[in-house]
């Protein structure tokens, strides 16, 4: 079970519970992500499509922006790593780089490929451009183009809905009452994950088991949210989510997107970012150690890594005399503890989130921990967790400029 290590705040918990209950009524139209039905109502189709993809294709293009792709990428990269076996996976539709898209299209052309296109509105510019370019490449190479395109969008409107209906693409639904950054455990994330070979049954089991913790006084998500608010009130306006395993990088990016878009609606809020140690100890670590100290760290640590190596430290230096066999995972943990102590000398507080291993079950718990914590934390900061009005501003401007 996921473990949050911080000061337990029992008194504040009761107040927060009442506030969350009030806000849950206000935001009831956006809380579909808490309803297990939205994770399961299309599971049969998800299993069918995922098996079809794995049987027929050697490369999967996952095309989406923001919450439409960050979650599934986080789980796939965390469990399988970047050097995974087939099927190969390319993520498109989240930027407008001609260089990146051209390189991706050349790679796609070398494989039997399909594409999963994800956009709740069906109108996301980057996603629709990526889809269009891949589709045109498919038309030049295949006669069964419509069989290779899978669409995940809303149930009644938008470009993707219209084109999928017209062309007969296989289609799954983004639930109306689930926002993109809270949609990882719906068809939005489940089909890409299952197609990549992720065990989504274990992932959903992790979520179900964690949800039982939400009714307890030591609810980890609430305790984490309360700790964040307390740090902010004490002048700590930046949070660094720190991992000691690079395979968690995209999960950290998902966290940034989740909290940044949910809370970032005023100047009285925490700036979310992340570090991957020990790599970043050789760069931004200097800033943390001797910089302004207006931040706190939340360390995401994996307790039981099934993969380990033995290192002969004695070979390097007399400083390590007698340490001719040392577990690399143990070294990593020692460095983590040393970093925590060192940073405390600059008044840097550290929270800890521990998971047992990097697998589907534990990651299911972890993502729900963060989603519920983000909901509670946003409420504590007075932000609507489910809209993103600031994101719409640049879109309105570029639409005028492109006319």
Protein backbone atom coordinates (compact mmCIF):
# COMPACT_ATOMS: atom_id res chain seq x y z
CA UNK A 1 0.00 0.00 0.00
CA UNK A 2 1.22 3.50 -0.79
CA UNK A 3 2.71 5.29 2.20
CA UNK A 4 2.81 9.05 2.79
CA UNK A 5 5.33 10.25 5.34
CA UNK A 6 4.62 13.65 6.83
CA UNK A 7 3.07 15.18 9.92
CA UNK A 8 -0.42 13.76 10.41
CA UNK A 9 -3.00 16.50 10.85
CA UNK A 10 -6.07 14.97 12.49
CA UNK A 11 -7.71 18.27 13.53
CA UNK A 12 -7.55 19.81 10.08
CA UNK A 13 -8.81 16.57 8.53
CA UNK A 14 -12.35 17.04 9.86
CA UNK A 15 -12.51 20.61 8.53
CA UNK A 16 -11.20 19.53 5.16
CA UNK A 17 -13.66 16.63 5.01
CA UNK A 18 -16.56 19.08 5.38
CA UNK A 19 -15.08 21.46 2.80
CA UNK A 20 -14.54 18.65 0.31
CA UNK A 21 -18.10 17.45 0.87
CA UNK A 22 -19.41 20.95 0.08
CA UNK A 23 -17.22 21.32 -3.00
CA UNK A 24 -18.13 17.85 -4.21
CA UNK A 25 -21.72 19.06 -4.53
CA UNK A 26 -20.57 22.18 -6.40
CA UNK A 27 -18.37 20.17 -8.78
CA UNK A 28 -20.62 17.13 -9.07
CA UNK A 29 -20.68 17.41 -12.87
CA UNK A 30 -16.90 16.86 -12.97
CA UNK A 31 -16.45 14.03 -10.48
CA UNK A 32 -17.00 11.16 -12.88
CA UNK A 33 -13.40 10.08 -12.30
CA UNK A 34 -14.41 8.94 -8.79
CA UNK A 35 -17.09 6.61 -10.24
CA UNK A 36 -15.81 3.13 -11.05
CA UNK A 37 -18.43 2.83 -13.80
CA UNK A 38 -16.39 5.20 -15.99
CA UNK A 39 -13.41 2.83 -15.74
CA UNK A 40 -15.35 -0.30 -16.60
CA UNK A 41 -18.28 0.42 -18.92
CA UNK A 42 -16.18 -0.04 -22.08
CA UNK A 43 -13.74 -2.64 -20.77
CA UNK A 44 -14.90 -5.38 -23.14
CA UNK A 45 -14.23 -3.13 -26.13
CA UNK A 46 -10.91 -2.04 -24.66
CA UNK A 47 -9.78 -5.67 -24.26
CA UNK A 48 -10.96 -6.48 -27.79
CA UNK A 49 -9.26 -3.51 -29.45
CA UNK A 50 -6.06 -3.91 -27.43
CA UNK A 51 -5.72 -7.58 -28.40
CA UNK A 52 -6.42 -6.74 -32.03
CA UNK A 53 -3.70 -4.08 -31.97
CA UNK A 54 -1.16 -6.40 -30.34
CA UNK A 55 -1.92 -9.20 -32.81
CA UNK A 56 -1.76 -7.09 -35.97
CA UNK A 57 0.62 -4.17 -35.47
CA UNK A 58 4.29 -3.68 -34.61
CA UNK A 59 4.03 0.06 -33.92
CA UNK A 60 1.36 2.10 -32.13
CA UNK A 61 1.02 5.85 -32.57
CA UNK A 62 -0.64 7.42 -29.53
CA UNK A 63 -1.86 10.84 -30.60
CA UNK A 64 -3.05 13.26 -27.92
CA UNK A 65 -2.19 16.39 -25.93
CA UNK A 66 -2.22 17.24 -22.23
CA UNK A 67 -4.25 14.86 -20.11
CA UNK A 68 -5.18 12.86 -23.19
CA UNK A 69 -1.72 11.29 -23.33
CA UNK A 70 0.42 12.19 -20.30
CA UNK A 71 -1.20 9.60 -18.03
CA UNK A 72 -0.93 6.58 -20.31
CA UNK A 73 2.61 7.56 -21.26
CA UNK A 74 3.51 7.85 -17.58
CA UNK A 75 2.39 4.30 -16.83
CA UNK A 76 3.81 2.75 -20.00
CA UNK A 77 7.22 4.40 -19.57
CA UNK A 78 7.33 3.64 -15.83
CA UNK A 79 6.53 -0.07 -16.17
CA UNK A 80 8.25 -0.88 -19.46
CA UNK A 81 10.94 1.79 -19.82
CA UNK A 82 11.98 3.53 -23.01
CA UNK A 83 13.74 0.41 -24.35
CA UNK A 84 10.61 -1.74 -24.39
CA UNK A 85 10.00 -4.67 -26.70
CA UNK A 86 7.41 -4.57 -29.48
CA UNK A 87 5.01 -3.09 -30.06
CA UNK A 88 7.01 0.09 -30.48
CA UNK A 89 5.18 3.23 -29.38
CA UNK A 90 5.40 6.79 -30.67
CA UNK A 91 3.64 9.70 -28.99
CA UNK A 92 2.39 12.42 -31.35
CA UNK A 93 -0.15 15.22 -31.27
CA UNK A 94 1.26 17.17 -28.33
CA UNK A 95 3.47 19.67 -30.19
CA UNK A 96 3.88 21.38 -33.57
CA UNK A 97 7.50 20.54 -34.37
CA UNK A 98 7.99 19.72 -38.05
CA UNK A 99 11.34 18.12 -37.26
CA UNK A 100 9.85 15.76 -34.66
CA UNK A 101 6.83 14.90 -36.79
CA UNK A 102 8.90 14.25 -39.92
CA UNK A 103 11.24 11.94 -38.01
CA UNK A 104 8.28 10.12 -36.47
CA UNK A 105 6.53 9.72 -39.82
CA UNK A 106 9.66 8.17 -41.35
CA UNK A 107 9.83 5.67 -38.50
CA UNK A 108 6.12 4.86 -38.75
CA UNK A 109 6.59 4.08 -42.44
CA UNK A 110 8.94 1.21 -41.55
CA UNK A 111 6.40 -0.75 -39.50
CA UNK A 112 2.94 -2.25 -39.61
CA UNK A 113 1.30 0.60 -37.71
CA UNK A 114 -1.94 1.83 -36.22
CA UNK A 115 -2.93 5.05 -34.47
CA UNK A 116 -4.97 5.79 -31.35
CA UNK A 117 -6.26 9.38 -31.50
CA UNK A 118 -7.44 10.93 -28.24
CA UNK A 119 -9.21 14.26 -27.71
CA UNK A 120 -12.28 14.85 -25.58
CA UNK A 121 -13.35 17.91 -27.57
CA UNK A 122 -12.23 16.41 -30.86
CA UNK A 123 -10.87 19.84 -31.77
CA UNK A 124 -7.33 19.86 -30.31
CA UNK A 125 -5.09 21.46 -32.96
CA UNK A 126 -1.88 19.51 -32.28
CA UNK A 127 -3.73 16.21 -32.06
CA UNK A 128 -5.74 16.70 -35.23
CA UNK A 129 -2.61 17.73 -37.17
CA UNK A 130 -0.75 14.64 -35.96
CA UNK A 131 -3.71 12.42 -36.86
CA UNK A 132 -4.04 14.01 -40.31
CA UNK A 133 -0.35 13.51 -41.17
CA UNK A 134 -0.37 9.88 -40.03
CA UNK A 135 -3.62 9.18 -41.87
CA UNK A 136 -2.19 10.60 -45.11
CA UNK A 137 0.86 8.38 -44.70
CA UNK A 138 -1.40 5.38 -44.16
CA UNK A 139 -3.33 6.19 -47.34
CA UNK A 140 -0.13 5.99 -49.39
CA UNK A 141 0.82 2.61 -47.95
CA UNK A 142 -2.33 0.69 -46.97
CA UNK A 143 -5.73 -0.16 -48.36
CA UNK A 144 -7.25 -0.82 -44.92
CA UNK A 145 -6.70 2.66 -43.45
CA UNK A 146 -9.95 2.82 -41.48
CA UNK A 147 -9.09 -0.46 -39.70
CA UNK A 148 -5.87 1.10 -38.38
CA UNK A 149 -7.44 4.15 -36.73
CA UNK A 150 -8.90 4.07 -33.21
CA UNK A 151 -10.57 7.21 -31.86
CA UNK A 152 -11.30 8.16 -28.25
CA UNK A 153 -13.47 11.27 -28.04
CA UNK A 154 -16.80 12.54 -26.73
CA UNK A 155 -20.02 10.81 -27.63
CA UNK A 156 -21.75 13.34 -29.87
CA UNK A 157 -19.74 16.21 -31.41
CA UNK A 158 -16.44 17.54 -32.70
CA UNK A 159 -14.18 16.86 -35.67
CA UNK A 160 -12.94 13.49 -34.41
CA UNK A 161 -16.43 12.27 -33.61
CA UNK A 162 -17.71 13.33 -37.03
CA UNK A 163 -14.81 11.85 -39.00
CA UNK A 164 -14.82 8.58 -37.05
CA UNK A 165 -18.54 8.17 -37.68
CA UNK A 166 -18.13 8.99 -41.36
CA UNK A 167 -15.12 6.72 -41.95
CA UNK A 168 -16.19 3.90 -39.64
CA UNK A 169 -13.24 4.12 -37.27
CA UNK A 170 -13.38 2.11 -34.07
CA UNK A 171 -14.40 4.53 -31.34
CA UNK A 172 -14.39 4.71 -27.55
CA UNK A 173 -15.96 7.40 -25.40
CA UNK A 174 -14.47 9.98 -23.06
CA UNK A 175 -17.04 10.24 -20.24
CA UNK A 176 -18.77 13.61 -20.23
CA UNK A 177 -18.18 14.16 -16.51
CA UNK A 178 -14.44 13.40 -16.56
CA UNK A 179 -11.84 16.04 -17.42
CA UNK A 180 -8.76 15.12 -19.42
CA UNK A 181 -6.22 15.27 -16.61
CA UNK A 182 -8.40 13.03 -14.43
CA UNK A 183 -9.14 10.53 -17.20
CA UNK A 184 -6.19 8.14 -16.98
CA UNK A 185 -8.32 5.28 -15.63
CA UNK A 186 -11.00 5.64 -18.33
CA UNK A 187 -10.79 4.57 -21.97
CA UNK A 188 -8.46 7.56 -22.51
CA UNK A 189 -5.64 5.79 -20.70
CA UNK A 190 -6.79 2.19 -20.58
CA UNK A 191 -6.74 1.43 -24.32
CA UNK A 192 -3.22 2.81 -24.95
CA UNK A 193 -1.94 1.04 -21.84
CA UNK A 194 -3.57 -2.29 -22.66
CA UNK A 195 -2.38 -2.12 -26.28
CA UNK A 196 1.16 -1.53 -25.00
CA UNK A 197 0.94 -4.65 -22.84
CA UNK A 198 0.17 -3.03 -19.49
CA UNK A 199 -1.95 -5.15 -17.13
CA UNK A 200 -4.90 -2.80 -16.73
CA UNK A 201 -6.73 -5.23 -14.41
CA UNK A 202 -3.92 -4.83 -11.87
CA UNK A 203 -3.86 -1.08 -12.46
CA UNK A 204 -7.58 -0.77 -11.72
CA UNK A 205 -7.25 -3.10 -8.72
CA UNK A 206 -4.65 -0.72 -7.30
CA UNK A 207 -7.06 2.18 -7.70
CA UNK A 208 -9.92 0.27 -6.05
CA UNK A 209 -7.75 -0.72 -3.10
CA UNK A 210 -6.44 2.80 -2.60
CA UNK A 211 -9.94 4.31 -2.64
CA UNK A 212 -10.64 2.42 0.58
CA UNK A 213 -8.04 4.64 2.28
CA UNK A 214 -10.02 7.76 1.44
CA UNK A 215 -12.49 7.17 4.28
CA UNK A 216 -9.82 6.95 7.00
CA UNK A 217 -8.51 9.76 9.21
CA UNK A 218 -4.98 9.18 7.97
CA UNK A 219 -6.11 9.50 4.35
CA UNK A 220 -2.74 9.96 2.59
CA UNK A 221 -4.12 12.25 -0.13
CA UNK A 222 -5.65 14.66 2.38
CA UNK A 223 -2.55 14.64 4.57
CA UNK A 224 -0.41 15.44 1.53
CA UNK A 225 -2.74 18.25 0.45
CA UNK A 226 -2.70 19.73 3.96
CA UNK A 227 1.09 19.56 4.10
CA UNK A 228 1.40 21.37 0.77
CA UNK A 229 -0.89 24.16 1.97
CA UNK A 230 1.00 24.48 5.25
CA UNK A 231 4.32 24.77 3.43
CA UNK A 232 2.88 27.41 1.11
CA UNK A 233 1.55 29.41 4.06
CA UNK A 234 5.10 29.33 5.46
CA UNK A 235 6.62 30.84 2.32
CA UNK A 236 7.34 27.69 0.32
CA UNK A 237 5.81 28.38 -3.08
CA UNK A 238 7.56 25.72 -5.20
CA UNK A 239 7.27 21.95 -5.00
CA UNK A 240 9.86 19.64 -6.51
CA UNK A 241 8.58 16.09 -7.00
CA UNK A 242 11.80 14.10 -6.72
CA UNK A 243 12.39 10.55 -7.90
CA UNK A 244 15.50 8.40 -7.78
CA UNK A 245 14.52 6.31 -10.80
CA UNK A 246 14.50 7.84 -14.31
CA UNK A 247 11.73 5.49 -15.43
CA UNK A 248 9.36 7.68 -13.37
CA UNK A 249 10.17 10.82 -15.38
CA UNK A 250 6.92 10.84 -17.35
CA UNK A 251 4.90 10.15 -14.22
CA UNK A 252 6.50 13.27 -12.79
CA UNK A 253 5.52 15.18 -15.95
CA UNK A 254 1.97 13.91 -15.49
CA UNK A 255 2.02 15.27 -11.92
CA UNK A 256 3.15 18.69 -13.24
CA UNK A 257 0.30 18.75 -15.76
CA UNK A 258 -2.23 17.60 -13.16
CA UNK A 259 -1.36 20.13 -10.47
CA UNK A 260 -0.29 22.96 -12.76
CA UNK A 261 -3.52 22.99 -14.74
CA UNK A 262 -5.75 22.31 -11.72
CA UNK A 263 -4.32 24.84 -9.26
CA UNK A 264 -2.60 27.46 -11.41
CA UNK A 265 -5.33 30.08 -11.49
CA UNK A 266 -3.96 32.83 -9.25
CA UNK A 267 -0.66 34.14 -7.91
CA UNK A 268 -1.32 32.43 -4.56
CA UNK A 269 -0.43 28.88 -5.49
CA UNK A 270 2.42 26.38 -5.58
CA UNK A 271 4.56 26.03 -8.71
CA UNK A 272 4.95 22.28 -9.48
CA UNK A 273 8.12 20.92 -11.03
CA UNK A 274 10.29 17.83 -10.71
CA UNK A 275 13.80 16.43 -10.37
CA UNK A 276 15.31 13.08 -11.25
CA UNK A 277 18.12 12.27 -8.87
CA UNK A 278 20.91 11.61 -8.75
CA UNK A 279 21.20 13.19 -12.22
CA UNK A 280 19.80 16.56 -11.16
CA UNK A 281 21.92 16.72 -8.01
CA UNK A 282 24.71 17.67 -10.43
CA UNK A 283 22.77 20.69 -11.73
CA UNK A 284 19.70 22.11 -9.97
CA UNK A 285 20.89 20.50 -6.74
CA UNK A 286 23.18 23.50 -6.25
CA UNK A 287 20.18 25.86 -6.41
CA UNK A 288 18.32 23.81 -3.81
CA UNK A 289 21.32 23.53 -1.50
CA UNK A 290 22.27 27.21 -1.41
CA UNK A 291 19.51 29.08 -3.25
CA UNK A 292 16.60 31.09 -1.79
CA UNK A 293 15.04 28.10 0.01
CA UNK A 294 11.48 29.03 -0.98
CA UNK A 295 10.60 25.46 -1.89
CA UNK A 296 9.95 22.00 -0.52
CA UNK A 297 10.61 18.56 -1.91
CA UNK A 298 8.30 15.58 -2.17
CA UNK A 299 10.38 12.45 -2.65
CA UNK A 300 8.78 9.57 -4.52
CA UNK A 301 10.75 6.52 -3.47
CA UNK A 302 10.44 2.89 -4.54
CA UNK A 303 11.05 0.55 -1.62
CA UNK A 304 11.43 -2.82 -3.28
CA UNK A 305 13.07 -2.75 -6.67
CA UNK A 306 13.10 -6.25 -8.15
CA UNK A 307 16.15 -5.37 -10.22
CA UNK A 308 19.44 -4.75 -8.41
CA UNK A 309 23.18 -4.79 -9.09
CA UNK A 310 26.18 -5.35 -6.86
CA UNK A 311 28.96 -2.77 -7.00
CA UNK A 312 32.55 -2.94 -5.72
CA UNK A 313 32.92 0.48 -4.11
CA UNK A 314 36.32 -0.41 -2.64
CA UNK A 315 37.83 -0.32 -6.14
CA UNK A 316 37.15 3.42 -6.48
CA UNK A 317 38.66 4.85 -3.32
CA UNK A 318 40.01 4.11 0.15
CA UNK A 319 36.97 6.01 1.42
CA UNK A 320 34.99 2.85 0.67
CA UNK A 321 37.35 0.32 2.26
CA UNK A 322 35.57 -2.94 2.96
CA UNK A 323 32.62 -2.13 0.69
CA UNK A 324 33.58 -4.57 -2.07
CA UNK A 325 29.98 -5.70 -2.44
CA UNK A 326 27.23 -3.15 -2.14
CA UNK A 327 23.72 -3.16 -3.57
CA UNK A 328 23.14 -0.34 -6.05
CA UNK A 329 19.62 0.10 -4.69
CA UNK A 330 21.05 0.52 -1.20
CA UNK A 331 23.51 3.12 -2.47
CA UNK A 332 20.61 4.96 -4.08
CA UNK A 333 18.71 4.94 -0.79
CA UNK A 334 21.74 6.16 1.17
CA UNK A 335 22.21 9.05 -1.28
CA UNK A 336 18.51 9.90 -0.95
CA UNK A 337 18.81 10.09 2.85
CA UNK A 338 22.04 12.10 2.61
CA UNK A 339 20.40 14.56 0.20
CA UNK A 340 17.45 15.02 2.53
CA UNK A 341 19.81 15.87 5.42
CA UNK A 342 21.94 18.18 3.29
CA UNK A 343 18.96 20.11 1.91
CA UNK A 344 17.49 20.52 5.39
CA UNK A 345 20.47 22.75 6.18
CA UNK A 346 18.98 25.26 3.73
CA UNK A 347 15.59 24.97 5.47
CA UNK A 348 14.24 22.67 2.76
CA UNK A 349 11.43 20.46 4.07
CA UNK A 350 10.89 17.02 2.61
CA UNK A 351 7.74 14.93 2.30
CA UNK A 352 7.97 11.25 1.38
CA UNK A 353 5.74 9.08 -0.77
CA UNK A 354 6.74 5.42 -0.79
CA UNK A 355 5.50 2.69 -3.09
CA UNK A 356 6.54 -0.95 -2.93
CA UNK A 357 7.52 -1.37 -6.57
CA UNK A 358 7.08 0.07 -10.04
CA UNK A 359 4.25 -2.09 -11.32
CA UNK A 360 0.67 -1.66 -12.43
CA UNK A 361 -0.88 -2.26 -9.02
CA UNK A 362 1.30 0.22 -7.15
CA UNK A 363 1.07 2.83 -9.90
CA UNK A 364 -2.72 2.53 -9.85
CA UNK A 365 -2.62 3.47 -6.19
CA UNK A 366 -0.15 6.26 -6.83
CA UNK A 367 -2.05 8.03 -9.60
CA UNK A 368 -5.29 7.97 -7.63
CA UNK A 369 -3.40 9.27 -4.59
CA UNK A 370 -2.28 12.25 -6.67
CA UNK A 371 -5.64 12.87 -8.36
CA UNK A 372 -7.57 12.94 -5.11
CA UNK A 373 -4.84 15.01 -3.44
CA UNK A 374 -4.97 17.48 -6.33
CA UNK A 375 -8.74 17.83 -5.95
CA UNK A 376 -8.40 18.50 -2.21
CA UNK A 377 -5.38 20.77 -2.60
CA UNK A 378 -7.10 22.86 -5.28
CA UNK A 379 -10.08 23.32 -2.99
CA UNK A 380 -7.76 24.43 -0.16
CA UNK A 381 -6.24 27.02 -2.49
CA UNK A 382 -9.65 28.21 -3.65
CA UNK A 383 -9.13 26.98 -7.22
CA UNK A 384 -11.57 25.12 -9.44
CA UNK A 385 -9.75 21.79 -9.99
CA UNK A 386 -11.55 21.01 -13.23
CA UNK A 387 -11.33 23.99 -15.56
CA UNK A 388 -8.45 25.64 -17.40
CA UNK A 389 -9.58 29.09 -18.59
CA UNK A 390 -6.00 30.26 -19.02
CA UNK A 391 -5.30 27.55 -21.57
CA UNK A 392 -8.13 28.81 -23.74
CA UNK A 393 -6.67 32.32 -24.05
CA UNK A 394 -3.79 31.48 -26.36
CA UNK A 395 -6.10 29.26 -28.42
CA UNK A 396 -8.51 32.12 -29.04
CA UNK A 397 -5.63 34.33 -30.16
CA UNK A 398 -4.01 31.84 -32.55
CA UNK A 399 -7.37 30.98 -34.11
CA UNK A 400 -7.75 34.65 -35.06
CA UNK A 401 -4.17 34.82 -36.36
CA UNK A 402 -4.59 31.69 -38.49
CA UNK A 403 -7.62 33.04 -40.34
